[in-house]
Protein backbone atom coordinates (compact mmCIF):
# COMPACT_ATOMS: atom_id res chain seq x y z
CA MET A 1 16.33 -5.12 18.17
CA LYS A 2 16.18 -3.11 14.98
CA ARG A 3 12.89 -3.38 13.08
CA THR A 4 12.47 -2.25 9.51
CA VAL A 5 9.50 -1.97 7.15
CA GLU A 6 9.52 -4.40 4.25
CA GLN A 7 8.46 -2.87 0.95
CA LEU A 8 5.84 -5.10 -0.61
CA GLU A 9 6.10 -5.71 -4.34
CA HIS A 10 3.12 -4.89 -6.55
CA THR A 11 1.61 -7.49 -8.86
CA GLU A 12 2.45 -7.32 -12.56
CA GLU A 13 -1.21 -6.62 -13.39
CA PHE A 14 -1.21 -3.62 -11.03
CA LYS A 15 2.04 -2.26 -12.50
CA ARG A 16 0.68 -2.58 -16.06
CA ALA A 17 -2.57 -0.86 -15.07
CA VAL A 18 -0.69 2.10 -13.56
CA GLU A 19 1.54 2.46 -16.64
CA LYS A 20 -1.47 2.20 -18.98
CA CYS A 21 -3.28 4.88 -16.97
CA LYS A 22 -0.24 7.19 -17.12
CA THR A 23 0.04 6.74 -20.89
CA GLN A 24 -3.67 7.38 -21.46
CA ARG A 25 -3.81 10.45 -19.21
CA SER A 26 -0.63 11.93 -20.71
CA GLY A 27 -2.04 11.44 -24.21
CA ALA A 28 -5.26 13.18 -23.18
CA GLY A 29 -3.35 16.15 -21.75
CA LYS A 30 -4.27 15.26 -18.16
CA GLU A 31 -2.00 14.93 -15.13
CA PRO A 32 -0.73 11.31 -14.85
CA ALA A 33 0.35 11.72 -11.22
CA ASN A 34 -3.04 10.56 -9.89
CA CYS A 35 -2.86 7.17 -11.62
CA PHE A 36 -1.41 5.26 -8.67
CA ALA A 37 -4.28 6.31 -6.40
CA MET A 38 -6.90 5.77 -9.10
CA VAL A 39 -5.68 2.26 -9.95
CA THR A 40 -5.35 1.34 -6.27
CA ASP A 41 -8.96 2.40 -5.67
CA SER A 42 -10.27 0.48 -8.67
CA PHE A 43 -8.33 -2.67 -7.71
CA LYS A 44 -9.67 -2.53 -4.13
CA LYS A 45 -13.25 -2.10 -5.37
CA ALA A 46 -12.81 -5.03 -7.79
CA GLY A 47 -11.19 -7.21 -5.11
CA LYS A 48 -8.05 -7.65 -7.20
CA PRO A 49 -4.67 -8.17 -5.50
CA ILE A 50 -2.37 -5.15 -5.36
CA TYR A 51 0.65 -6.82 -3.75
CA LYS A 52 2.34 -10.14 -4.45
CA ASP A 53 1.91 -12.70 -1.68
CA ARG A 54 5.39 -12.85 -0.25
CA LYS A 55 5.71 -13.69 3.41
CA THR A 56 9.02 -13.47 5.18
CA GLU A 57 10.24 -15.76 7.92
CA ASN A 58 12.55 -13.06 9.24
CA SER A 59 11.06 -11.48 12.38
CA GLU A 60 13.21 -8.40 11.80
CA TYR A 61 10.80 -7.22 9.08
CA VAL A 62 7.32 -5.80 9.52
CA GLU A 63 4.92 -5.76 6.59
CA GLN A 64 3.87 -2.34 5.39
CA GLY A 65 0.35 -1.36 6.35
CA LEU A 66 -1.78 -0.43 9.31
CA GLU A 67 -4.02 -2.61 11.41
CA PRO A 68 -6.70 -1.30 13.77
CA LEU A 69 -5.95 -1.98 17.41
CA ASP A 70 -8.01 -1.46 20.55
CA VAL A 71 -5.79 0.45 22.95
CA LYS A 72 -6.43 1.60 26.52
CA ILE A 73 -4.14 4.22 27.98
CA PHE A 74 -3.91 4.64 31.72
CA ALA A 75 -2.28 7.63 33.39
CA GLU A 76 -1.52 8.35 36.98
CA PHE A 77 -1.75 11.94 38.13
CA GLY A 78 0.06 12.95 41.28
CA GLY A 79 -0.71 16.04 43.18
């Protein structure tokens, strides 16, 4: 079974904030490349949504992101 990663779409508010940041930093003579990370950080701290809520019924897709898992690995050594 082939599994792919589904790209999640950003909210309109997040997109506008990133573009506004890029415009402001470019106008100030600063590097606008850091805007995505800066806006992501500020949205997380404020508890604002970054991605649109869009769930898929298709089991072939996996949502992007990492989840912590408890994993035990056992190995058998022969001699």
